[in-house]
Amino acid sequence: MNYTAEIHAFIDWLEINPLEPTTQTLWMHLMVIANKSGCPEWFTVANPLLQAKVGVTENTLIKHRNYLVQKGRIEYKSQGKQKAGRYKIIPFTSNNEVERGVKGEVNHEVKREVKGSALLKDLNSSSASSSSYESFYAAHNRVFGFDCNPYQSNILASYIDEDGLEEAVVIRAIERAGEAATGYNFKLITRILDDYFRSGALSLEQAVELDRQFDIRKRNVKTSSSAPSRKAKIHSFADLAKGAAAHDA
């Protein structure tokens, strides 16, 4: 199995077989592990290791692993709770015909349907880039320069697993917290996420709109608080008049 060719084939395949970012990240990590192991047909990986690499809970890992199995990209065999599971990467490039078939199908679909399309992009958020993807675990490291601990990872994952927020929304909250001048504050991340959830902003598009409205209100408050009131101006003029009269006397 050619590692580089598999990566390129996977990226091509995604054009007509879209997967969630977390599912893509899981496949990438499995491919890296397989390559480092010498590309055996079957290899073992413990759940905690994959959870740490992808930045998800065990339930989320199982969910996205099942996606890859259903899509025919991997095979998985459980060896019980006390042993690491066994994985098998289903290669794209096992023969030239498969490779040509994947590329040909992708090229046709891209020209017919995908050309001209664009992902939602917010100028203030690098997580909306159409050329890359990352897990919230990786985003935390990118924004703050270090990984979140397992406890924090589980909390952030709960917003996805239990509250239904898109992973991109969690990443946006991390980035918004990173823009604050108060330094690292994990509670600020969860406070932003709580605001998203209470406001019903479960998708990235909804979160971006909610932030836009918040920023507008914040600017308006600053403008109104910095401008002197009409009453304050009158008092100022009165004080000037009193000062001038005292000077003349």
Protein backbone atom coordinates (compact mmCIF):
# COMPACT_ATOMS: atom_id res chain seq x y z
CA MET A 1 0.00 0.00 0.00
CA ASN A 2 1.46 3.32 -1.11
CA TYR A 3 1.03 5.83 1.73
CA THR A 4 1.20 9.01 -0.37
CA ALA A 5 -1.05 7.60 -3.08
CA GLU A 6 -3.63 6.55 -0.46
CA ILE A 7 -3.72 10.06 1.02
CA HIS A 8 -4.26 11.64 -2.39
CA ALA A 9 -6.87 9.06 -3.32
CA PHE A 10 -8.72 9.65 -0.05
CA ILE A 11 -8.82 13.40 -0.67
CA ASP A 12 -10.16 12.79 -4.19
CA TRP A 13 -12.73 10.31 -2.84
CA LEU A 14 -14.00 12.89 -0.34
CA GLU A 15 -15.15 15.11 -3.19
CA ILE A 16 -18.10 12.81 -3.84
CA ASN A 17 -18.20 11.04 -0.47
CA PRO A 18 -18.18 13.84 2.11
CA LEU A 19 -17.35 12.92 5.70
CA GLU A 20 -17.47 14.92 8.90
CA PRO A 21 -14.12 16.51 9.83
CA THR A 22 -13.76 14.21 12.84
CA THR A 23 -14.27 11.13 10.64
CA GLN A 24 -11.64 12.39 8.21
CA THR A 25 -9.22 13.05 11.08
CA LEU A 26 -9.73 9.54 12.43
CA TRP A 27 -8.97 8.00 9.02
CA MET A 28 -5.83 10.12 8.68
CA HIS A 29 -4.52 9.04 12.10
CA LEU A 30 -5.24 5.39 11.33
CA MET A 31 -3.37 5.74 8.05
CA VAL A 32 -0.37 7.34 9.79
CA ILE A 33 -0.31 4.57 12.42
CA ALA A 34 -0.55 1.89 9.72
CA ASN A 35 2.29 3.49 7.77
CA LYS A 36 4.54 3.71 10.85
CA SER A 37 3.80 0.03 11.52
CA GLY A 38 5.00 -0.94 8.05
CA CYS A 39 1.55 -1.05 6.45
CA PRO A 40 0.46 -4.48 7.72
CA GLU A 41 -2.91 -5.80 6.64
CA TRP A 42 -4.16 -5.66 10.24
CA PHE A 43 -2.84 -3.56 13.12
CA THR A 44 -3.98 -2.82 16.66
CA VAL A 45 -4.70 0.58 18.23
CA ALA A 46 -6.09 1.21 21.71
CA ASN A 47 -9.12 3.48 22.04
CA PRO A 48 -7.44 5.91 24.51
CA LEU A 49 -4.65 6.56 22.02
CA LEU A 50 -7.07 7.37 19.20
CA GLN A 51 -9.21 9.47 21.55
CA ALA A 52 -6.17 11.57 22.46
CA LYS A 53 -5.06 11.98 18.85
CA VAL A 54 -8.49 12.94 17.53
CA GLY A 55 -9.61 14.78 20.67
CA VAL A 56 -12.91 13.00 21.24
CA THR A 57 -14.68 10.86 23.82
CA GLU A 58 -14.92 7.09 23.47
CA ASN A 59 -18.54 7.29 22.31
CA THR A 60 -17.60 9.82 19.63
CA LEU A 61 -14.68 7.65 18.53
CA ILE A 62 -16.97 4.65 18.15
CA LYS A 63 -19.51 6.70 16.18
CA HIS A 64 -16.95 7.97 13.66
CA ARG A 65 -15.25 4.59 13.44
CA ASN A 66 -18.62 3.12 12.46
CA TYR A 67 -18.95 5.78 9.75
CA LEU A 68 -15.66 4.61 8.22
CA VAL A 69 -16.76 0.98 8.41
CA GLN A 70 -20.10 1.79 6.77
CA LYS A 71 -18.34 3.72 3.99
CA GLY A 72 -16.06 0.75 3.33
CA ARG A 73 -12.87 2.58 4.24
CA ILE A 74 -11.82 0.37 7.18
CA GLU A 75 -12.60 -2.95 8.83
CA TYR A 76 -12.62 -3.27 12.60
CA LYS A 77 -12.51 -6.26 14.96
CA SER A 78 -13.08 -5.87 18.68
CA GLN A 79 -10.88 -7.97 20.96
CA GLY A 80 -12.77 -7.24 24.15
CA LYS A 81 -12.59 -4.39 26.62
CA GLN A 82 -9.17 -5.36 27.90
CA LYS A 83 -7.43 -5.45 24.49
CA ALA A 84 -6.87 -2.95 21.71
CA GLY A 85 -9.08 -3.31 18.66
CA ARG A 86 -7.77 -4.49 15.30
CA TYR A 87 -8.00 -2.26 12.22
CA LYS A 88 -7.62 -2.83 8.51
CA ILE A 89 -7.36 0.03 6.02
CA ILE A 90 -9.29 -0.67 2.81
CA PRO A 91 -6.86 0.65 0.17
CA PHE A 92 -7.82 2.77 -2.82
CA THR A 93 -4.69 2.01 -4.82
CA SER A 94 -4.46 -1.75 -4.56
CA ASN A 95 -4.49 -1.82 -8.36
CA ASN A 96 -4.33 0.72 -11.18
CA GLU A 97 -7.93 0.21 -12.22
CA VAL A 98 -9.24 1.21 -8.80
CA GLU A 99 -7.08 4.31 -8.80
CA ARG A 100 -8.16 5.33 -12.29
CA GLY A 101 -11.81 4.63 -11.44
CA VAL A 102 -11.74 6.83 -8.34
CA LYS A 103 -10.00 9.71 -10.11
CA GLY A 104 -12.21 9.47 -13.17
CA GLU A 105 -15.40 9.50 -11.16
CA VAL A 106 -14.18 12.40 -9.05
CA ASN A 107 -13.11 14.46 -12.05
CA HIS A 108 -16.50 13.97 -13.69
CA GLU A 109 -18.45 14.94 -10.58
CA VAL A 110 -16.20 17.91 -9.81
CA LYS A 111 -16.64 19.34 -13.27
CA ARG A 112 -20.39 18.75 -13.28
CA GLU A 113 -21.40 19.70 -9.76
CA VAL A 114 -18.58 20.86 -7.50
CA LYS A 115 -16.97 23.51 -9.69
CA GLY A 116 -17.72 27.00 -8.46
CA SER A 117 -18.94 25.92 -5.04
CA ALA A 118 -17.41 27.37 -1.87
CA LEU A 119 -17.57 26.66 1.83
CA LEU A 120 -19.01 29.20 4.24
CA LYS A 121 -16.09 31.38 5.21
CA ASP A 122 -15.85 33.84 8.07
CA LEU A 123 -13.01 36.36 7.87
CA ASN A 124 -12.49 36.22 11.60
CA SER A 125 -12.27 32.44 11.83
CA SER A 126 -9.54 30.30 10.33
CA SER A 127 -11.52 27.17 11.16
CA ALA A 128 -13.84 27.86 8.21
CA SER A 129 -11.06 27.37 5.67
CA SER A 130 -12.11 25.28 2.70
CA SER A 131 -8.59 23.90 2.24
CA SER A 132 -8.09 22.24 5.63
CA TYR A 133 -9.85 20.67 8.55
CA GLU A 134 -9.03 19.97 12.16
CA SER A 135 -10.55 18.59 15.33
CA PHE A 136 -11.38 20.87 18.26
CA TYR A 137 -8.48 19.17 20.08
CA ALA A 138 -6.05 20.31 17.37
CA ALA A 139 -7.67 23.77 17.27
CA HIS A 140 -7.06 24.20 21.02
CA ASN A 141 -3.38 23.51 20.46
CA ARG A 142 -3.26 25.89 17.50
CA VAL A 143 -4.90 28.77 19.35
CA PHE A 144 -3.30 28.40 22.78
CA GLY A 145 -0.12 26.49 22.03
CA PHE A 146 -0.88 23.44 24.16
CA ASP A 147 -3.33 20.53 24.29
CA CYS A 148 -6.44 20.55 26.42
CA ASN A 149 -6.37 17.94 29.15
CA PRO A 150 -8.66 14.85 29.10
CA TYR A 151 -11.17 16.51 31.46
CA GLN A 152 -11.44 19.58 29.22
CA SER A 153 -11.59 17.41 26.11
CA ASN A 154 -14.54 15.48 27.52
CA ILE A 155 -16.38 18.71 28.36
CA LEU A 156 -15.88 20.12 24.85
CA ALA A 157 -16.88 16.81 23.28
CA SER A 158 -20.11 16.82 25.33
CA TYR A 159 -21.24 19.96 23.50
CA ILE A 160 -21.07 17.90 20.29
CA ASP A 161 -22.30 14.53 21.58
CA GLU A 162 -24.98 15.71 24.02
CA ASP A 163 -25.95 19.24 22.96
CA GLY A 164 -25.77 18.78 19.19
CA LEU A 165 -23.32 21.58 18.32
CA GLU A 166 -21.24 21.16 15.20
CA GLU A 167 -17.56 20.62 15.89
CA ALA A 168 -16.86 23.79 13.92
CA VAL A 169 -18.90 25.72 16.51
CA VAL A 170 -16.72 24.37 19.32
CA ILE A 171 -13.64 25.41 17.34
CA ARG A 172 -15.11 28.88 16.87
CA ALA A 173 -15.65 29.23 20.63
CA ILE A 174 -12.01 28.29 21.19
CA GLU A 175 -10.92 30.93 18.69
CA ARG A 176 -13.19 33.60 20.18
CA ALA A 177 -11.79 32.87 23.63
CA GLY A 178 -8.28 33.06 22.20
CA GLU A 179 -8.96 36.61 20.99
CA ALA A 180 -9.69 37.81 24.54
CA ALA A 181 -6.98 39.84 26.25
CA THR A 182 -7.46 38.02 29.55
CA GLY A 183 -5.10 35.15 28.72
CA TYR A 184 -6.05 31.49 28.78
CA ASN A 185 -9.45 30.93 30.36
CA PHE A 186 -11.14 27.60 29.73
CA LYS A 187 -14.30 28.83 31.46
CA LEU A 188 -14.58 31.53 28.80
CA ILE A 189 -14.68 28.83 26.12
CA THR A 190 -17.53 27.02 27.89
CA ARG A 191 -19.34 30.32 28.54
CA ILE A 192 -19.28 31.10 24.81
CA LEU A 193 -20.49 27.58 24.04
CA ASP A 194 -23.31 27.93 26.58
CA ASP A 195 -24.37 31.17 24.85
CA TYR A 196 -24.38 29.40 21.49
CA PHE A 197 -26.46 26.53 22.87
CA ARG A 198 -29.00 28.75 24.66
CA SER A 199 -29.38 30.86 21.52
CA GLY A 200 -29.90 27.80 19.34
CA ALA A 201 -26.68 28.39 17.38
CA LEU A 202 -25.83 24.77 16.67
CA SER A 203 -24.26 25.28 13.24
CA LEU A 204 -21.24 27.37 12.29
CA GLU A 205 -23.39 29.69 10.18
CA GLN A 206 -25.68 30.38 13.14
CA ALA A 207 -22.74 30.94 15.49
CA VAL A 208 -21.14 33.41 13.07
CA GLU A 209 -24.39 35.37 12.85
CA LEU A 210 -24.81 35.38 16.63
CA ASP A 211 -21.26 36.69 17.06
CA ARG A 212 -21.88 39.38 14.45
CA GLN A 213 -24.92 40.64 16.34
CA PHE A 214 -23.00 40.54 19.62
CA ASP A 215 -20.11 42.54 18.16
CA ILE A 216 -22.51 45.17 16.80
CA ARG A 217 -24.20 45.58 20.20
CA LYS A 218 -20.80 45.79 21.87
CA ARG A 219 -19.67 48.57 19.54
CA ASN A 220 -22.93 50.47 20.06
CA VAL A 221 -22.54 50.28 23.84
CA LYS A 222 -19.00 51.61 23.63
CA THR A 223 -20.09 54.45 21.35
CA SER A 224 -23.01 55.49 23.56
CA SER A 225 -20.97 55.32 26.77
CA SER A 226 -18.13 57.41 25.36
CA ALA A 227 -20.39 60.21 23.98
CA PRO A 228 -21.36 62.87 26.59
CA SER A 229 -25.07 63.30 27.16
CA ARG A 230 -26.94 66.50 26.29
CA LYS A 231 -27.42 67.19 30.00
CA ALA A 232 -23.72 66.82 30.62
CA LYS A 233 -22.97 69.33 27.86
CA ILE A 234 -25.35 71.89 29.39
CA HIS A 235 -23.66 71.60 32.75
CA SER A 236 -20.31 72.06 31.09
CA PHE A 237 -21.40 75.24 29.34
CA ALA A 238 -22.92 76.54 32.58
CA ASP A 239 -19.69 75.90 34.41
CA LEU A 240 -17.80 77.79 31.73
CA ALA A 241 -20.18 80.76 32.05
CA LYS A 242 -19.76 80.83 35.83
CA GLY A 243 -16.01 80.70 35.43
CA ALA A 244 -16.04 83.59 32.98
CA ALA A 245 -18.21 85.74 35.28
CA ALA A 246 -15.92 85.13 38.22
CA HIS A 247 -12.95 86.11 36.12
CA ASP A 248 -14.61 89.38 34.99
CA ALA A 249 -15.43 90.27 38.63
